[in-house]
Protein backbone atom coordinates (compact mmCIF):
# COMPACT_ATOMS: atom_id res chain seq x y z
CA MET A 1 -17.94 19.94 13.88
CA ILE A 2 -14.33 18.15 13.64
CA SER A 3 -11.48 19.88 15.53
CA VAL A 4 -7.52 19.36 13.89
CA VAL A 5 -4.66 20.40 16.12
CA ILE A 6 -1.58 20.64 14.79
CA PRO A 7 1.04 21.18 16.85
CA ALA A 8 4.03 23.12 14.94
CA HIS A 9 7.30 24.44 15.89
CA ASN A 10 9.03 26.03 13.13
CA GLU A 11 7.10 24.82 9.97
CA ALA A 12 6.71 27.25 8.25
CA SER A 13 8.15 25.81 5.36
CA VAL A 14 5.42 22.73 5.00
CA ILE A 15 2.34 24.62 7.41
CA GLY A 16 0.68 26.45 4.23
CA ARG A 17 0.77 22.93 2.33
CA LEU A 18 -1.13 20.92 4.97
CA LEU A 19 -3.45 23.49 5.19
CA THR A 20 -4.32 24.17 2.08
CA GLY A 21 -5.25 20.69 1.35
CA LEU A 22 -6.85 20.23 4.19
CA LEU A 23 -9.22 23.35 4.10
CA ALA A 24 -9.61 22.98 0.24
CA ASP A 25 -13.44 22.18 -0.55
CA ALA A 26 -13.90 22.30 3.67
CA ARG A 27 -17.63 23.89 4.66
CA SER A 28 -17.40 27.25 6.85
CA ASP A 29 -19.19 25.43 9.55
CA GLU A 30 -16.67 21.94 9.40
CA LEU A 31 -13.91 21.85 10.56
CA HIS A 32 -12.15 23.83 13.30
CA VAL A 33 -8.13 24.09 13.35
CA VAL A 34 -6.17 25.09 15.74
CA VAL A 35 -2.68 25.53 14.95
CA VAL A 36 -0.01 25.77 18.28
CA ALA A 37 2.81 27.32 17.05
CA ASN A 38 5.67 26.36 19.53
CA GLY A 39 9.06 27.95 20.29
CA CYS A 40 9.01 29.29 16.92
CA SER A 41 11.82 31.23 15.07
CA ASP A 42 10.05 31.19 11.72
CA GLU A 43 6.81 32.30 10.13
CA THR A 44 4.71 29.35 11.37
CA ALA A 45 2.52 31.40 13.02
CA GLU A 46 2.39 33.88 10.45
CA ILE A 47 1.91 31.61 7.35
CA ALA A 48 -0.67 29.54 9.73
CA ALA A 49 -2.53 33.33 10.33
CA SER A 50 -2.90 34.01 6.63
CA PHE A 51 -5.95 31.46 6.58
CA GLY A 52 -7.86 33.77 8.23
CA GLY A 53 -10.99 33.05 10.75
CA ARG A 54 -10.75 29.17 9.52
CA VAL A 55 -7.71 28.35 11.59
CA LEU A 56 -7.52 29.87 15.31
CA VAL A 57 -3.52 30.33 15.70
CA VAL A 58 -2.11 30.13 19.37
CA SER A 59 1.42 30.59 19.98
CA THR A 60 3.89 29.73 22.94
CA ALA A 61 7.31 29.83 23.62
CA ILE A 62 7.68 26.29 24.96
CA ALA A 63 9.12 24.29 22.24
CA ALA A 64 7.19 20.96 23.09
CA LYS A 65 4.98 18.46 21.38
CA SER A 66 2.97 17.62 24.58
CA ASN A 67 2.17 21.27 25.88
CA ALA A 68 1.11 21.91 22.28
CA LEU A 69 -1.19 19.08 21.87
CA GLN A 70 -2.31 20.37 25.36
CA LEU A 71 -2.92 23.84 24.38
CA GLY A 72 -4.62 22.37 21.52
CA ASP A 73 -7.15 20.68 23.07
CA GLN A 74 -8.34 23.56 25.24
CA HIS A 75 -8.87 25.37 22.43
CA ALA A 76 -10.35 22.47 20.50
CA ARG A 77 -14.57 22.70 20.17
CA GLY A 78 -15.65 19.67 18.99
CA PHE A 79 -15.49 15.49 18.28
CA PRO A 80 -14.08 13.69 15.76
CA ARG A 81 -11.07 14.95 17.14
CA LEU A 82 -7.74 14.62 14.79
CA TYR A 83 -4.39 15.48 15.98
CA VAL A 84 -1.80 16.12 12.47
CA ASP A 85 1.62 16.62 12.78
CA ALA A 86 2.61 19.79 10.50
CA ASP A 87 5.07 17.97 8.04
CA VAL A 88 2.49 15.70 6.93
CA GLU A 89 -0.44 15.89 3.41
CA LEU A 90 -4.59 15.49 4.52
CA ARG A 91 -7.32 17.11 2.45
CA THR A 92 -10.51 17.53 3.39
CA ARG A 93 -12.06 14.54 2.05
CA ASP A 94 -9.43 12.04 4.10
CA VAL A 95 -10.85 14.14 7.32
CA ARG A 96 -14.26 13.51 6.33
CA ALA A 97 -13.31 9.75 5.63
CA LEU A 98 -11.96 9.33 9.30
CA ALA A 99 -14.34 11.36 10.52
CA ASP A 100 -17.03 9.14 9.93
CA ALA A 101 -15.21 5.81 11.19
CA LEU A 102 -15.33 7.63 14.16
CA GLY A 103 -18.51 9.92 14.40
CA GLU A 104 -22.27 8.57 15.09
CA PRO A 105 -23.33 5.72 13.78
CA GLY A 106 -19.76 5.06 12.95
CA GLU A 107 -18.37 1.61 13.53
CA PRO A 108 -19.71 0.82 16.64
CA GLY A 109 -16.65 0.25 19.56
CA VAL A 110 -13.86 2.46 17.55
CA LEU A 111 -12.36 5.16 19.41
CA ALA A 112 -8.99 5.82 17.11
CA ALA A 113 -8.70 5.99 13.31
CA ALA A 114 -5.94 6.53 11.30
CA PRO A 115 -5.76 6.61 7.63
CA ALA A 116 -3.96 4.84 5.18
CA ARG A 117 0.10 5.94 4.57
CA VAL A 118 1.27 7.16 1.43
CA LEU A 119 5.14 7.34 1.84
CA THR A 120 6.80 9.76 -0.98
CA MET A 121 10.48 8.37 -2.44
CA ASP A 122 11.47 10.58 -4.15
CA SER A 123 14.88 11.76 -4.96
CA ARG A 124 15.53 9.35 -1.45
CA PRO A 125 18.60 7.54 -1.82
CA LEU A 126 18.62 4.05 -1.37
CA THR A 127 19.77 3.35 2.13
CA VAL A 128 16.43 5.02 2.55
CA ARG A 129 13.60 3.51 0.07
CA TRP A 130 15.04 0.21 1.02
CA TYR A 131 14.88 0.34 4.66
CA TYR A 132 11.37 1.65 4.11
CA ASP A 133 10.26 -1.08 1.52
CA ILE A 134 11.12 -3.43 4.41
CA TRP A 135 9.88 -0.61 7.30
CA GLN A 136 6.68 -0.72 5.13
CA ARG A 137 5.53 -4.41 5.42
CA LEU A 138 6.34 -5.11 9.30
CA PRO A 139 2.99 -6.11 10.92
CA GLY A 140 2.67 -3.65 13.84
CA VAL A 141 3.81 -0.73 10.66
CA ARG A 142 0.73 -2.16 9.01
CA ASN A 143 -1.85 -2.34 11.20
CA GLY A 144 -0.92 0.25 14.20
CA LEU A 145 -1.95 4.15 14.08
CA TYR A 146 1.47 5.73 14.53
CA GLY A 147 3.52 6.76 11.90
CA ARG A 148 1.03 8.29 9.64
CA GLY A 149 1.18 11.92 11.61
CA VAL A 150 -2.68 11.57 12.11
CA ILE A 151 -4.31 9.83 14.63
CA GLY A 152 -8.03 10.65 15.45
CA VAL A 153 -9.81 10.17 18.00
CA SER A 154 -13.84 9.86 19.39
CA GLU A 155 -14.94 11.81 22.51
CA ALA A 156 -14.67 8.59 24.44
CA GLY A 157 -11.20 7.92 22.50
CA HIS A 158 -10.02 11.61 23.65
CA ARG A 159 -10.53 10.59 27.52
CA ARG A 160 -8.43 7.09 27.02
CA LEU A 161 -5.67 9.69 25.23
CA ALA A 162 -5.52 12.36 27.81
CA ALA A 163 -4.54 9.78 30.42
CA LEU A 164 -1.53 8.79 28.54
CA PRO A 165 1.52 9.74 30.26
CA GLN A 166 3.62 12.82 28.04
CA VAL A 167 6.53 10.77 26.58
CA MET A 168 8.62 11.10 23.12
CA ASN A 169 7.05 8.34 21.37
CA ASP A 170 3.39 9.98 21.73
CA ASP A 171 1.42 8.14 18.15
CA LEU A 172 3.25 4.78 19.58
CA ALA A 173 1.12 5.49 22.34
CA ALA A 174 -1.49 5.94 21.89
CA SER A 175 -1.59 3.16 19.25
CA VAL A 176 -0.62 1.10 22.17
CA ALA A 177 -3.47 2.03 24.43
CA PHE A 178 -6.43 1.35 21.91
CA GLY A 179 -6.96 -3.08 21.61
CA PRO A 180 -7.54 -4.15 17.79
CA HIS A 181 -11.16 -4.53 18.13
CA GLU A 182 -11.55 -0.16 19.34
CA ARG A 183 -9.16 1.43 16.43
CA ARG A 184 -8.99 1.25 12.75
CA ILE A 185 -7.14 1.68 9.80
CA VAL A 186 -9.42 3.52 7.27
CA ARG A 187 -8.46 2.73 3.45
CA GLN A 188 -10.56 5.55 1.99
CA ALA A 189 -8.55 8.12 4.29
CA ARG A 190 -5.02 8.67 2.57
CA VAL A 191 -2.13 10.82 4.42
CA VAL A 192 0.70 11.84 2.61
CA VAL A 193 3.83 10.89 4.77
CA HIS A 194 7.40 12.92 3.77
CA PRO A 195 10.45 10.56 4.77
CA PRO A 196 13.67 11.66 5.52
CA ARG A 197 15.55 12.65 2.66
CA THR A 198 19.22 11.53 3.91
CA ALA A 199 20.75 8.51 5.50
CA THR A 200 21.55 10.65 8.27
CA ASP A 201 18.20 11.62 8.68
CA LEU A 202 16.92 8.23 9.00
CA MET A 203 19.25 7.10 11.43
CA ARG A 204 18.42 10.22 14.00
CA ARG A 205 15.13 9.51 13.51
CA ARG A 206 15.32 5.16 14.16
CA VAL A 207 17.58 6.55 17.24
CA ARG A 208 14.53 8.93 18.13
CA ALA A 209 11.88 5.66 17.86
CA LEU A 210 13.94 3.27 19.48
CA THR A 211 14.47 5.52 22.88
CA GLY A 212 11.29 6.02 22.83
CA ILE A 213 10.54 2.85 22.95
CA ALA A 214 12.49 2.29 25.45
CA GLN A 215 10.44 5.16 27.84
CA LEU A 216 7.71 3.47 27.04
CA GLU A 217 8.91 0.46 27.80
CA ASN A 218 8.87 1.64 31.82
CA THR A 219 6.03 3.62 31.90
CA MET A 220 3.44 1.96 29.80
CA ASP A 221 2.33 -2.02 29.32
CA GLY A 222 1.46 -3.32 26.64
CA ILE A 223 3.95 -2.56 23.71
CA GLY A 224 5.35 -5.98 22.81
CA GLY A 225 3.13 -5.71 19.10
CA ALA A 226 5.14 -2.64 18.15
CA ARG A 227 8.34 -4.31 18.36
CA THR A 228 9.62 -6.23 15.49
CA THR A 229 10.86 -9.56 15.72
CA ARG A 230 12.63 -11.97 13.84
CA ALA A 231 9.58 -14.34 12.91
CA ASP A 232 8.16 -10.57 10.95
CA LEU A 233 11.09 -10.77 8.78
CA LEU A 234 11.60 -14.25 8.41
CA ARG A 235 7.84 -14.08 7.10
CA ILE A 236 8.57 -10.94 4.67
CA LEU A 237 11.60 -12.93 3.58
CA ARG A 238 9.49 -16.22 2.44
CA ALA A 239 7.24 -14.44 0.83
CA GLU A 240 9.12 -12.26 -1.58
CA PRO A 241 12.48 -13.51 -1.49
CA ALA A 242 13.40 -10.39 -3.83
CA MET A 243 13.54 -8.02 -0.74
CA ALA A 244 16.76 -9.90 0.86
CA PRO A 245 18.95 -7.32 -0.24
CA ARG A 246 16.59 -4.53 1.81
CA LEU A 247 16.33 -6.71 4.79
CA ALA A 248 20.13 -6.29 4.52
CA VAL A 249 19.80 -2.66 4.19
CA PHE A 250 17.27 -3.03 7.24
CA LEU A 251 18.92 -5.23 9.87
CA GLY A 252 21.92 -2.71 9.21
CA VAL A 253 20.08 0.46 9.62
CA THR A 254 18.41 -1.03 12.88
CA ALA A 255 21.97 -2.61 13.94
CA VAL A 256 23.41 0.73 13.83
CA ALA A 257 20.65 2.73 15.89
CA ARG A 258 20.13 0.26 18.22
CA TRP A 259 24.25 0.92 18.69
CA LYS A 260 23.50 4.84 18.36
CA ALA A 261 20.38 4.90 21.00
CA ARG A 262 22.13 2.79 24.17
CA ARG A 263 23.20 6.40 25.52
CA PRO A 264 20.16 8.39 25.35
CA ILE A 265 18.43 4.84 26.75
CA ARG A 266 21.23 4.69 29.88
CA SER A 267 20.87 8.37 31.12
CA ARG A 268 16.64 8.41 30.31
CA ASP A 269 17.08 11.16 27.86
CA TYR A 270 14.07 11.44 26.70
CA THR A 271 13.75 14.89 26.03
CA THR A 272 16.46 15.68 23.07
CA TRP A 273 14.25 15.45 19.84
CA LEU A 274 16.92 14.53 17.14
CA ARG A 275 14.40 16.50 14.18
CA ASP A 276 14.73 15.34 11.03
CA ASP A 277 14.68 18.92 8.84
CA SER A 278 15.28 16.67 5.47
CA SER A 279 12.10 16.30 5.12
CA ARG A 280 10.90 19.61 5.58
CA ALA A 281 13.57 21.33 3.11
CA VAL A 282 11.22 21.38 0.53
CA ALA A 283 9.88 24.54 -1.70
CA THR A 284 6.51 24.65 -1.42
CA LYS A 285 4.59 27.69 -2.84
CA GLU A 286 2.11 28.50 0.62
CA SER A 287 -0.92 29.52 -0.81
CA ARG A 288 -4.53 29.72 0.82
């Protein structure tokens, strides 16, 4: 049985969308889905519970993703185990492809896996679209497990995750915890990721990411590969000179985000989440 843990804080607008796709073609004994409604003031738990016995809903008053992940682990039954953000879209076939890479016989030595990323750019302003045009081309973004909203682990990989410190940027921490030979991007699996719908929310995400990276640098070794270097950007420009205007936007957003992140980094404020609600503000039909 494949366990799927979904931490969900006020995700009423999107949790039904995720669960509908996740369970669409699943056999009754195939998936064990645990939704941890943490600190919710909306109908997240009720919507998840409407899917019946196929979904176990665990509620807690503590609005913290790290705590939600721990609670989910306490109730999850099997391996491979997937951790899925509530605001992405993942289907049954994608879960199966990830499980195939992590299960027996699977791929020898692979402890962690993530799906290929599909970004939805409809109705996004030029700043957001151009920023992500560069971001998607970065080596760390292409090869890392982070920024996908889904990470799957084997039982051995789970032991590695359990030993990690609790940090803001948990998906980056999970990614750098595994060497290149221990992690896989499974191209047969796809996750739909919804980027921010406004430049302001993009900035909030980038400040949060930079603050999280600073925290990781203080607590973990080996995260250098997650940093974007000048050489990375020059390679993109040499390969695609027409990307120059987009690169200028990327650099501008990065510069402003670094300036805004100085205060939380100096004060070591690793608890203010700077949540992007714009990517969740989409009218969706919640159905089983």
